[in-house]
Amino acid sequence: METFLIDVPMPSMGATVNELTVIDLKVQPGARIAKGEKIAELESDKSVFEFEAPCDGVVTEIQGRAGDIVPSGAPFLRIQTTDTSLRHLEAKGQRLEVRGQKTETGSQKPVAENEKPKAPIPSAPTSRLLPPASGLTWTPRARKLAEEAGLAPATITGLAGTGPGGVISGDDIARYLEKNKNGAHAPKSAVADPQSASATTGWDPRSAETVCIAGVGYAVPKAVMPNCELLKEFPDKTEAEILKLTGIRERRYAAEGETATSLAVTAVQHALAQSEVDVNLIDGVIMATLLPDQPVPSMASALAQQLGIPRALAFDLNAACAGWLYALEVGRAFIRGGTATNLIVVTAELLSRITNPKDPNTAFLFGDGAGAVILTGAPGGHRLGRMALSGDADQFTAIQRPGGGATLPFPHPAGHDRDEFYLQMNGASVFRHAVIGFGDLIEATLVRHKLKPDDVAWIVPHQANERILRAVSKRVGIPFEKFVVTIAKYGNTSAASVSMALGWAAEEGIFRAGDKIIFCSVGAGLTFAGGLLVW
């Protein structure tokens, strides 16, 4: 039977939808497919759906990769088939061409029918996660907590892992112990001296641009806000739907009287204890936040006062979700330039105070928390390289809170502008820019430090949305199991999210000396930040 090539278009989703985002590609050039087989996952205006093969055949070319934005009706993939009912889609050119596609890279190289597809990317190594006799994979902290409680890990059953790649984390064991009326305390995380990376990567973690992260800490409020509580405002939505769209099961909300500064104090105390740096040797506090407890003076000054270091330099900065990485770079530059020797770089956010509980686009996303590191000029410890910082102010309105500044300091007495004082977000626009932005930050870090994807042990990203992170994983070719993801239990905590994920992973003990860890974040503005830490 005669075979011919067809160009399968991106589906049309109605008059108001002009483009779709590729979240995942489930096939690659050279793959033989069957009619009805799921070949891609697409997103259209917060709606996620599977794209099915229209016929039997062989995929010869795919336009773009995960994270790309393709216009509705534009050619998406080319298939060699014998299905004569699709003659109207017969390819007319030598190559598949897409008009108006928004992507930073070109299309994938077409693959001949007899060419073998590339081998799948291997998963991250899990030997560091200490699998017990039960066959489950546990983090070191999880095993330690169980053993301190007098329990053999192999005897504990019925656990659902919430750590990277589904491993059993210390949080899972802590919940198990609480349920069974047993308590345990998390051990300190030791600061290891990194192994030299220069032999294999061409980049020396002890080079002049790096500084030391001597200690890490994070803090969250005690109060848990599960999806089921928020869903009371949205009877037409389900927990399964929210989980699929965001990856979030719950988040933490600060109680009345609890402040961002009090959370920051707790996070800093944990970081100081781990670093063994005397607080009196701290000569600066850099606070990243989009919502300080009060506008003036800075929250950093309030924190310095509470820590008993009133003479330390102290200031706030606001780069939204990328804020903590911006603060790390400012701190690194201060130390390398001689402005400071030992710095607290901290972030704290109480987004629950400015989240509209009646807005389905934001109500489920945000939570509260804080994170901190002690940054020093010491030669050992975990080596932090330069953060690459950039922006895209053309997307100024994609995420914003118009009220609360000099333009609109107070809501109108009638309350008609109340929504201006809540966080507002164009979800579809943010998703598109975030996937490409995260991917570009990771790839730029690889290039800058002469690394390959296989050289990277972990990605510690801003916890924006699990679908975004999965699409980024596909886009950059780094397995999702290497992404430290805490969004399921803490939600999106803006500037605090990267620091909290780092603190959680350090507490769990999943990092090893010499691990190469990439940070990346995209925030309101838009702001972009990314760089390398060698553990």
Protein backbone atom coordinates (compact mmCIF):
# COMPACT_ATOMS: atom_id res chain seq x y z
CA MET A 1 0.00 0.00 0.00
CA GLU A 2 1.29 3.46 -0.85
CA THR A 3 2.76 5.54 1.94
CA PHE A 4 2.83 9.32 2.02
CA LEU A 5 3.68 12.11 4.48
CA ILE A 6 1.09 14.21 6.27
CA ASP A 7 1.56 17.40 8.31
CA VAL A 8 -0.63 17.13 11.43
CA PRO A 9 -1.68 20.59 12.67
CA MET A 10 -1.90 21.84 16.22
CA PRO A 11 -5.59 21.48 17.16
CA SER A 12 -7.93 24.45 17.17
CA MET A 13 -9.56 25.12 20.55
CA GLY A 14 -12.07 27.77 19.52
CA ALA A 15 -12.09 31.37 18.40
CA THR A 16 -10.54 32.73 21.61
CA VAL A 17 -7.54 30.38 21.66
CA ASN A 18 -4.77 31.27 19.23
CA GLU A 19 -1.90 29.15 20.52
CA LEU A 20 -1.12 26.13 22.68
CA THR A 21 1.82 25.20 24.88
CA VAL A 22 3.56 21.85 24.48
CA ILE A 23 3.87 20.43 27.99
CA ASP A 24 5.21 17.00 27.07
CA LEU A 25 6.09 14.98 23.99
CA LYS A 26 5.48 11.26 24.45
CA VAL A 27 7.03 10.19 21.13
CA GLN A 28 10.11 11.17 19.15
CA PRO A 29 11.10 11.04 15.50
CA GLY A 30 11.38 7.46 14.32
CA ALA A 31 8.63 6.18 16.63
CA ARG A 32 5.93 3.92 15.18
CA ILE A 33 2.50 4.99 16.45
CA ALA A 34 -1.04 3.63 16.44
CA LYS A 35 -4.20 5.61 15.84
CA GLY A 36 -5.53 6.97 19.14
CA GLU A 37 -2.17 6.66 20.88
CA LYS A 38 -1.37 9.59 23.17
CA ILE A 39 1.54 11.41 21.59
CA ALA A 40 1.65 14.79 23.39
CA GLU A 41 0.30 16.74 26.34
CA LEU A 42 -0.87 20.26 25.54
CA GLU A 43 -2.18 23.22 27.50
CA SER A 44 -4.72 25.78 26.39
CA ASP A 45 -5.78 28.55 28.80
CA LYS A 46 -5.41 26.43 31.98
CA SER A 47 -6.93 23.38 30.29
CA VAL A 48 -4.62 20.36 29.95
CA PHE A 49 -5.39 17.59 27.48
CA GLU A 50 -3.79 14.68 25.64
CA PHE A 51 -3.19 14.92 21.89
CA GLU A 52 -3.85 11.61 20.14
CA ALA A 53 -2.37 10.22 16.93
CA PRO A 54 -4.83 10.63 14.03
CA CYS A 55 -3.62 7.47 12.27
CA ASP A 56 -1.20 4.55 12.25
CA GLY A 57 2.26 5.43 10.96
CA VAL A 58 5.79 6.56 11.72
CA VAL A 59 6.65 9.98 13.16
CA THR A 60 9.33 11.50 10.92
CA GLU A 61 9.54 15.03 12.34
CA ILE A 62 8.31 17.01 15.35
CA GLN A 63 8.15 20.77 15.43
CA GLY A 64 9.62 22.12 18.67
CA ARG A 65 10.04 20.66 22.13
CA ALA A 66 8.44 20.79 25.57
CA GLY A 67 7.71 24.38 26.56
CA ASP A 68 7.32 25.69 23.01
CA ILE A 69 4.25 27.70 22.03
CA VAL A 70 2.66 26.72 18.73
CA PRO A 71 -0.17 28.59 16.97
CA SER A 72 -3.46 26.74 16.58
CA GLY A 73 -3.66 25.19 13.13
CA ALA A 74 0.09 25.37 12.50
CA PRO A 75 1.91 22.13 11.50
CA PHE A 76 2.94 20.26 14.64
CA LEU A 77 4.35 16.94 13.48
CA ARG A 78 4.90 14.97 10.28
CA ILE A 79 3.78 11.34 9.99
CA GLN A 80 4.40 8.75 7.30
CA THR A 81 1.15 6.83 6.87
CA THR A 82 -1.00 4.77 4.51
CA ASP A 83 -4.30 6.23 5.78
CA THR A 84 -5.87 7.67 2.63
CA SER A 85 -8.60 9.42 4.65
CA LEU A 86 -5.94 11.97 5.63
CA ARG A 87 -4.84 12.82 2.07
CA HIS A 88 -6.01 16.39 2.66
CA LEU A 89 -3.10 16.77 5.13
CA GLU A 90 -0.46 15.53 2.67
CA ALA A 91 2.85 17.34 3.13
CA LYS A 92 3.74 19.81 0.41
CA GLY A 93 7.27 20.83 1.38
CA GLN A 94 10.56 19.06 2.05
CA ARG A 95 10.61 20.19 5.69
CA LEU A 96 7.91 20.90 8.22
CA GLU A 97 7.71 24.67 8.76
CA VAL A 98 5.86 26.58 11.44
CA ARG A 99 4.93 30.21 11.08
CA GLY A 100 5.01 32.41 14.17
CA GLN A 101 6.17 29.80 16.67
CA LYS A 102 7.52 31.34 19.88
CA THR A 103 10.62 29.41 20.83
CA GLU A 104 14.23 30.11 21.58
CA THR A 105 15.43 27.14 19.58
CA GLY A 106 14.89 25.59 16.18
CA SER A 107 12.88 22.48 15.43
CA GLN A 108 14.21 19.01 16.01
CA LYS A 109 16.18 17.42 13.22
CA PRO A 110 13.99 15.07 11.20
CA VAL A 111 14.76 11.39 11.52
CA ALA A 112 14.56 8.87 8.71
CA GLU A 113 12.11 6.02 9.08
CA ASN A 114 14.86 3.46 9.60
CA GLU A 115 16.88 5.62 12.00
CA LYS A 116 16.76 4.51 15.60
CA PRO A 117 15.36 7.03 18.10
CA LYS A 118 17.67 8.37 20.75
CA ALA A 119 17.96 6.36 23.94
CA PRO A 120 15.96 7.77 26.86
CA ILE A 121 17.83 9.92 29.33
CA PRO A 122 18.78 7.86 32.41
CA SER A 123 17.24 8.70 35.75
CA ALA A 124 19.20 10.41 38.48
CA PRO A 125 21.31 8.08 40.62
CA THR A 126 19.54 7.05 43.81
CA SER A 127 22.32 5.29 45.71
CA ARG A 128 22.56 8.27 48.05
CA LEU A 129 18.98 7.66 49.18
CA LEU A 130 19.75 4.45 51.05
CA PRO A 131 17.13 1.84 50.04
CA PRO A 132 16.27 -0.36 53.07
CA ALA A 133 15.33 -4.01 52.97
CA SER A 134 11.69 -3.18 52.28
CA GLY A 135 12.65 -2.04 48.77
CA LEU A 136 11.47 1.53 49.36
CA THR A 137 13.93 4.38 48.89
CA TRP A 138 14.51 6.61 51.92
CA THR A 139 16.39 9.84 52.45
CA PRO A 140 19.09 9.77 55.16
CA ARG A 141 16.93 11.95 57.42
CA ALA A 142 13.97 9.58 57.05
CA ARG A 143 16.07 6.58 58.06
CA LYS A 144 17.61 8.53 60.97
CA LEU A 145 14.22 9.61 62.33
CA ALA A 146 12.88 6.06 62.17
CA GLU A 147 15.93 4.59 63.89
CA GLU A 148 15.92 7.29 66.59
CA ALA A 149 12.32 6.30 67.32
CA GLY A 150 13.43 2.68 67.74
CA LEU A 151 11.86 1.49 64.48
CA ALA A 152 13.43 -0.65 61.78
CA PRO A 153 12.78 1.01 58.40
CA ALA A 154 12.09 -2.36 56.78
CA THR A 155 9.13 -2.90 59.15
CA ILE A 156 7.31 0.34 58.29
CA THR A 157 4.68 -0.12 55.60
CA GLY A 158 1.91 1.91 54.03
CA LEU A 159 4.00 5.03 53.43
CA ALA A 160 3.58 7.27 50.39
CA GLY A 161 6.83 9.04 49.55
CA THR A 162 6.68 12.80 48.94
CA GLY A 163 10.40 13.34 48.27
CA PRO A 164 12.06 13.70 44.85
CA GLY A 165 11.07 10.80 42.62
CA GLY A 166 8.66 9.50 45.28
CA VAL A 167 11.29 8.68 47.93
CA ILE A 168 10.33 8.44 51.60
CA SER A 169 11.32 11.73 53.22
CA GLY A 170 11.82 12.78 56.80
CA ASP A 171 8.51 14.65 56.61
CA ASP A 172 6.76 11.39 55.76
CA ILE A 173 8.33 9.63 58.75
CA ALA A 174 7.55 12.58 61.04
CA ARG A 175 3.87 12.33 60.06
CA TYR A 176 3.97 8.57 60.62
CA LEU A 177 5.48 9.05 64.08
CA GLU A 178 2.97 11.76 64.98
CA LYS A 179 0.11 9.54 63.90
CA ASN A 180 1.51 6.76 66.06
CA LYS A 181 2.18 9.11 68.99
CA ASN A 182 5.95 9.00 68.65
CA GLY A 183 8.12 12.11 68.43
CA ALA A 184 11.48 12.63 66.83
CA HIS A 185 13.86 15.49 66.19
CA ALA A 186 15.61 16.12 62.90
CA PRO A 187 19.42 15.93 63.09
CA LYS A 188 21.72 18.73 62.06
CA SER A 189 23.00 18.68 58.51
CA ALA A 190 26.77 18.74 58.31
CA VAL A 191 28.50 21.16 55.96
CA ALA A 192 30.80 19.15 53.70
CA ASP A 193 33.80 20.43 51.82
CA PRO A 194 33.11 20.16 48.06
CA GLN A 195 35.14 18.00 45.75
CA SER A 196 36.97 19.79 42.99
CA ALA A 197 35.01 19.90 39.75
CA SER A 198 37.73 21.40 37.58
CA ALA A 199 39.06 18.10 36.22
CA THR A 200 35.82 17.17 34.47
CA THR A 201 34.01 20.46 33.90
CA GLY A 202 36.67 23.10 33.38
CA TRP A 203 35.21 25.14 36.27
CA ASP A 204 36.86 25.30 39.68
CA PRO A 205 34.35 25.70 42.55
CA ARG A 206 37.13 27.40 44.53
CA SER A 207 37.68 30.04 41.85
CA ALA A 208 37.71 33.75 42.66
CA GLU A 209 34.02 34.23 41.78
CA THR A 210 32.69 31.80 44.41
CA VAL A 211 31.72 32.25 48.04
CA CYS A 212 30.77 29.81 50.77
CA ILE A 213 27.27 28.84 51.86
CA ALA A 214 28.09 27.78 55.41
CA GLY A 215 24.60 26.99 56.66
CA VAL A 216 21.03 26.57 55.40
CA GLY A 217 17.70 26.85 57.21
CA TYR A 218 13.99 27.22 56.51
CA ALA A 219 10.75 27.68 58.44
CA VAL A 220 7.04 27.31 57.79
CA PRO A 221 3.94 28.13 59.84
CA LYS A 222 2.30 25.26 61.70
CA ALA A 223 -1.15 25.75 60.21
CA VAL A 224 -1.83 23.56 57.17
CA MET A 225 -4.37 24.72 54.57
CA PRO A 226 -5.43 21.73 52.43
CA ASN A 227 -7.11 21.99 49.04
CA CYS A 228 -10.40 20.71 50.44
CA GLU A 229 -10.78 23.84 52.58
CA LEU A 230 -10.17 26.23 49.69
CA LEU A 231 -12.51 24.24 47.45
CA LYS A 232 -15.47 25.30 49.59
CA GLU A 233 -15.47 28.52 47.54
CA PHE A 234 -15.45 26.57 44.26
CA PRO A 235 -18.10 23.81 44.29
CA ASP A 236 -17.57 23.16 40.57
CA LYS A 237 -13.91 22.14 41.07
CA THR A 238 -12.38 18.97 42.53
CA GLU A 239 -9.22 18.11 44.44
CA ALA A 240 -8.08 15.90 41.55
CA GLU A 241 -8.43 18.82 39.13
CA ILE A 242 -6.40 21.18 41.34
CA LEU A 243 -3.70 18.59 41.87
CA LYS A 244 -3.42 17.96 38.12
CA LEU A 245 -3.22 21.67 37.28
CA THR A 246 -0.80 22.72 40.04
CA GLY A 247 0.75 19.70 41.77
CA ILE A 248 -0.27 21.27 45.10
CA ARG A 249 -2.05 19.31 47.86
CA GLU A 250 -1.68 21.79 50.69
CA ARG A 251 0.18 24.89 51.79
CA ARG A 252 1.02 26.63 55.10
CA TYR A 253 -0.80 29.76 56.28
CA ALA A 254 0.54 32.02 59.00
CA ALA A 255 -1.70 32.37 62.04
CA GLU A 256 -3.02 35.70 63.29
CA GLY A 257 -0.17 37.51 64.98
CA GLU A 258 2.49 35.47 63.19
CA THR A 259 4.80 37.65 61.08
CA ALA A 260 7.18 37.23 58.19
CA THR A 261 9.96 38.50 60.46
CA SER A 262 9.25 35.81 63.07
CA LEU A 263 9.47 33.11 60.39
CA ALA A 264 12.70 34.66 59.13
CA VAL A 265 14.18 34.58 62.65
CA THR A 266 13.51 30.83 62.88
CA ALA A 267 15.01 30.14 59.44
CA VAL A 268 18.12 32.19 60.27
CA GLN A 269 18.60 30.48 63.62
CA HIS A 270 18.59 27.08 61.88
CA ALA A 271 21.13 28.35 59.32
CA LEU A 272 23.37 29.83 62.02
CA ALA A 273 23.29 26.60 64.03
CA GLN A 274 24.30 24.57 61.00
CA SER A 275 27.05 26.99 60.01
CA GLU A 276 28.48 27.33 63.52
CA VAL A 277 29.06 31.02 62.73
CA ASP A 278 28.60 33.29 65.76
CA VAL A 279 25.78 35.74 65.10
CA ASN A 280 28.01 38.56 66.38
CA LEU A 281 30.30 37.96 63.38
CA ILE A 282 27.47 38.74 60.93
CA ASP A 283 27.99 42.13 59.30
CA GLY A 284 24.98 42.26 56.99
CA VAL A 285 21.38 41.13 56.42
CA ILE A 286 19.87 41.04 52.92
CA MET A 287 16.14 40.32 52.87
CA ALA A 288 14.24 39.31 49.73
CA THR A 289 10.48 39.80 50.01
CA LEU A 290 7.57 41.23 48.06
CA LEU A 291 5.49 41.81 51.22
CA PRO A 292 7.46 43.11 54.22
CA ASP A 293 5.70 43.34 57.56
CA GLN A 294 5.74 47.12 57.14
CA PRO A 295 7.01 49.35 54.31
CA VAL A 296 9.43 51.42 56.43
CA PRO A 297 11.93 50.66 57.85
CA SER A 298 13.08 47.53 56.10
CA MET A 299 12.23 44.06 57.34
CA ALA A 300 15.97 43.33 57.26
CA SER A 301 16.43 46.00 59.92
CA ALA A 302 13.70 44.45 62.05
CA LEU A 303 15.40 41.08 61.68
CA ALA A 304 18.82 42.52 62.60
CA GLN A 305 17.30 44.03 65.72
CA GLN A 306 15.69 40.76 66.79
CA LEU A 307 18.92 38.84 66.16
CA GLY A 308 20.88 41.25 68.34
CA ILE A 309 23.08 42.68 65.56
CA PRO A 310 21.77 46.26 65.29
CA ARG A 311 24.94 47.59 63.63
CA ALA A 312 24.81 45.22 60.66
CA LEU A 313 24.07 46.64 57.21
CA ALA A 314 20.47 45.71 56.42
CA PHE A 315 18.12 46.25 53.49
CA ASP A 316 15.26 44.63 51.56
CA LEU A 317 15.02 43.91 47.86
CA ASN A 318 12.05 42.89 45.73
CA ALA A 319 12.50 40.77 42.62
CA ALA A 320 9.37 38.72 43.41
CA CYS A 321 9.85 34.97 42.97
CA ALA A 322 13.46 35.44 41.80
CA GLY A 323 14.22 37.68 44.77
CA TRP A 324 16.23 35.28 46.89
CA LEU A 325 18.55 34.42 43.99
CA TYR A 326 18.98 38.15 43.33
CA ALA A 327 19.83 38.57 47.02
CA LEU A 328 22.37 35.72 46.81
CA GLU A 329 24.11 37.47 43.93
CA VAL A 330 24.16 40.80 45.79
CA GLY A 331 25.61 39.01 48.82
CA ARG A 332 28.20 37.20 46.73
CA ALA A 333 29.27 40.47 45.13
CA PHE A 334 29.47 42.18 48.55
CA ILE A 335 31.78 39.48 49.88
CA ARG A 336 33.96 39.28 46.77
CA GLY A 337 34.17 43.09 46.69
CA GLY A 338 35.09 43.46 50.37
CA THR A 339 31.89 45.15 51.54
CA ALA A 340 31.11 42.29 53.94
CA THR A 341 32.62 39.09 55.30
CA ASN A 342 29.65 37.18 56.72
CA LEU A 343 26.11 37.79 55.51
CA ILE A 344 22.63 36.52 56.22
CA VAL A 345 20.73 36.17 52.94
CA VAL A 346 17.13 35.53 53.91
CA THR A 347 13.64 35.58 52.47
CA ALA A 348 10.19 35.44 54.02
CA GLU A 349 6.75 35.69 52.44
CA LEU A 350 3.20 35.69 53.84
CA LEU A 351 1.36 35.44 50.54
CA SER A 352 -1.79 34.20 52.26
CA ARG A 353 -2.35 37.81 53.35
CA ILE A 354 -2.68 39.01 49.73
CA THR A 355 -4.22 35.95 48.04
CA ASN A 356 -7.85 36.29 46.93
CA PRO A 357 -9.70 33.21 48.25
CA LYS A 358 -12.39 33.70 45.60
CA ASP A 359 -10.03 33.87 42.59
CA PRO A 360 -9.70 30.38 41.03
CA ASN A 361 -6.50 31.43 39.21
CA THR A 362 -4.56 32.17 42.40
CA ALA A 363 -6.43 30.82 45.44
CA PHE A 364 -4.75 27.39 45.30
CA LEU A 365 -1.22 28.51 44.42
CA PHE A 366 0.30 30.50 47.23
CA GLY A 367 1.56 29.74 50.72
CA ASP A 368 3.76 31.17 53.46
CA GLY A 369 7.33 30.37 54.48
CA ALA A 370 10.92 31.54 54.94
CA GLY A 371 14.45 30.42 54.13
CA ALA A 372 17.97 31.60 54.84
CA VAL A 373 21.65 30.89 54.26
CA ILE A 374 24.82 32.13 55.91
CA LEU A 375 27.13 33.45 53.20
CA THR A 376 30.84 33.84 54.01
CA GLY A 377 34.18 34.38 52.36
CA ALA A 378 35.60 31.20 53.90
CA PRO A 379 37.47 28.84 51.54
CA GLY A 380 35.49 25.68 52.36
CA GLY A 381 31.81 24.83 52.57
CA HIS A 382 29.35 24.71 49.70
CA ARG A 383 30.59 26.90 46.82
CA LEU A 384 28.17 29.36 45.28
CA GLY A 385 28.95 30.70 41.81
CA ARG A 386 27.71 33.86 40.14
CA MET A 387 23.96 34.10 39.57
CA ALA A 388 22.91 35.23 36.07
CA LEU A 389 20.21 37.91 36.42
CA SER A 390 17.93 39.38 33.73
CA GLY A 391 14.40 40.59 33.09
CA ASP A 392 11.55 41.12 30.63
CA ALA A 393 9.59 44.23 31.59
CA ASP A 394 7.31 43.79 28.58
CA GLN A 395 5.52 41.25 30.78
CA PHE A 396 5.09 43.73 33.63
CA THR A 397 1.38 42.99 34.09
CA ALA A 398 1.62 39.18 33.90
CA ILE A 399 1.89 38.98 37.71
CA GLN A 400 1.08 42.04 39.78
CA ARG A 401 -0.54 43.58 42.84
CA PRO A 402 -1.56 47.08 41.73
CA GLY A 403 -2.74 48.26 45.16
CA GLY A 404 -0.69 49.03 48.26
CA GLY A 405 1.83 51.42 46.67
CA ALA A 406 1.98 55.16 46.17
CA THR A 407 -0.39 55.04 43.17
CA LEU A 408 -3.16 53.28 45.11
CA PRO A 409 -2.20 53.30 48.81
CA PHE A 410 -5.65 52.55 50.25
CA PRO A 411 -8.76 50.74 48.98
CA HIS A 412 -11.81 52.84 48.23
CA PRO A 413 -14.26 52.95 51.17
CA ALA A 414 -16.91 51.39 48.93
CA GLY A 415 -14.60 48.40 48.33
CA HIS A 416 -15.00 48.33 44.54
CA ASP A 417 -11.22 48.19 44.04
CA ARG A 418 -10.55 45.49 46.63
CA ASP A 419 -9.21 43.06 44.00
CA GLU A 420 -6.38 45.50 43.22
CA PHE A 421 -4.89 44.66 46.63
CA TYR A 422 -4.65 40.93 45.87
CA LEU A 423 -2.07 39.17 43.73
CA GLN A 424 -3.27 38.97 40.12
CA MET A 425 -1.87 36.63 37.50
CA ASN A 426 -2.32 35.82 33.83
CA GLY A 427 -1.79 32.09 34.26
CA ALA A 428 -1.45 31.14 30.60
CA SER A 429 1.11 33.88 29.91
CA VAL A 430 3.11 33.05 33.04
CA PHE A 431 3.17 29.35 32.15
CA ARG A 432 4.52 30.00 28.68
CA HIS A 433 7.24 32.42 29.76
CA ALA A 434 8.18 30.34 32.81
CA VAL A 435 8.80 27.12 30.90
CA ILE A 436 11.04 28.81 28.35
CA GLY A 437 12.64 31.01 31.02
CA PHE A 438 13.47 28.12 33.36
CA GLY A 439 14.83 26.11 30.44
CA ASP A 440 17.01 28.96 29.21
CA LEU A 441 18.41 29.58 32.71
CA ILE A 442 19.37 25.92 33.16
CA GLU A 443 20.90 25.64 29.70
CA ALA A 444 22.83 28.90 30.12
CA THR A 445 24.24 27.65 33.43
CA LEU A 446 25.36 24.43 31.76
CA VAL A 447 27.13 26.38 29.02
CA ARG A 448 28.70 28.90 31.41
CA HIS A 449 30.22 26.17 33.59
CA LYS A 450 31.02 23.73 30.78
CA LEU A 451 28.64 21.10 32.13
CA LYS A 452 26.52 18.44 30.43
CA PRO A 453 23.03 17.53 31.68
CA ASP A 454 24.40 14.28 33.11
CA ASP A 455 26.86 16.28 35.25
CA VAL A 456 23.99 17.88 37.18
CA ALA A 457 22.98 16.12 40.39
CA TRP A 458 19.99 18.30 41.27
CA ILE A 459 17.86 21.18 40.06
CA VAL A 460 16.48 23.38 42.87
CA PRO A 461 13.89 25.53 41.10
CA HIS A 462 11.34 28.11 42.12
CA GLN A 463 8.27 26.10 43.09
CA ALA A 464 5.93 27.75 40.61
CA ASN A 465 3.79 24.86 39.40
CA GLU A 466 4.56 21.17 39.03
CA ARG A 467 3.40 21.12 35.40
CA ILE A 468 5.85 23.90 34.62
CA LEU A 469 8.69 21.97 36.23
CA ARG A 470 7.82 18.75 34.40
CA ALA A 471 7.77 20.62 31.09
CA VAL A 472 11.15 22.19 31.93
CA SER A 473 12.57 18.74 32.70
CA LYS A 474 11.55 17.54 29.25
CA ARG A 475 12.82 20.69 27.60
CA VAL A 476 16.36 20.55 29.05
CA GLY A 477 16.78 16.76 29.07
CA ILE A 478 17.27 16.42 32.84
CA PRO A 479 15.08 13.76 34.52
CA PHE A 480 12.31 15.10 36.75
CA GLU A 481 13.64 12.87 39.55
CA LYS A 482 16.57 15.30 39.79
CA PHE A 483 14.26 18.25 40.54
CA VAL A 484 13.81 19.06 44.22
CA VAL A 485 10.05 19.66 44.36
CA THR A 486 8.29 20.73 47.56
CA ILE A 487 5.28 22.46 46.03
CA ALA A 488 2.88 19.64 46.94
CA LYS A 489 3.13 20.49 50.65
CA TYR A 490 4.18 24.15 50.69
CA GLY A 491 2.71 25.62 47.51
CA ASN A 492 4.29 28.60 45.76
CA THR A 493 5.99 30.81 48.37
CA SER A 494 7.44 33.32 45.88
CA ALA A 495 10.96 34.45 46.84
CA ALA A 496 11.08 31.93 49.69
CA SER A 497 10.50 28.84 47.56
CA VAL A 498 14.04 28.16 46.30
CA SER A 499 15.55 28.68 49.76
CA MET A 500 12.91 26.45 51.36
CA ALA A 501 13.49 23.68 48.81
CA LEU A 502 17.25 23.93 49.40
CA GLY A 503 16.76 23.85 53.17
CA TRP A 504 14.38 20.90 52.98
CA ALA A 505 16.75 18.89 50.77
CA ALA A 506 19.75 19.70 53.00
CA GLU A 507 17.81 18.64 56.07
CA GLU A 508 16.82 15.39 54.36
CA GLY A 509 20.50 14.74 53.58
CA ILE A 510 20.03 13.99 49.89
CA PHE A 511 22.98 16.13 48.74
CA ARG A 512 26.51 14.72 48.61
CA ALA A 513 29.81 16.60 48.61
CA GLY A 514 30.61 17.71 45.07
CA ASP A 515 27.00 17.57 43.83
CA LYS A 516 26.36 20.20 41.18
CA ILE A 517 23.08 21.96 41.90
CA ILE A 518 21.43 24.44 39.56
CA PHE A 519 19.13 27.17 40.90
CA CYS A 520 16.55 28.79 38.60
CA SER A 521 13.63 31.14 39.08
CA VAL A 522 11.24 33.34 37.12
CA GLY A 523 9.31 36.04 38.96
CA ALA A 524 7.00 39.00 38.47
CA GLY A 525 8.49 41.79 36.43
CA LEU A 526 9.45 39.50 34.79
CA THR A 527 12.66 38.71 36.63
CA PHE A 528 14.98 35.80 35.84
CA ALA A 529 17.79 34.31 37.91
CA GLY A 530 19.87 31.14 37.75
CA GLY A 531 23.25 29.75 38.69
CA LEU A 532 25.34 26.94 40.14
CA LEU A 533 26.04 25.69 43.64
CA VAL A 534 28.63 22.93 44.22
CA TRP A 535 27.77 21.11 47.42
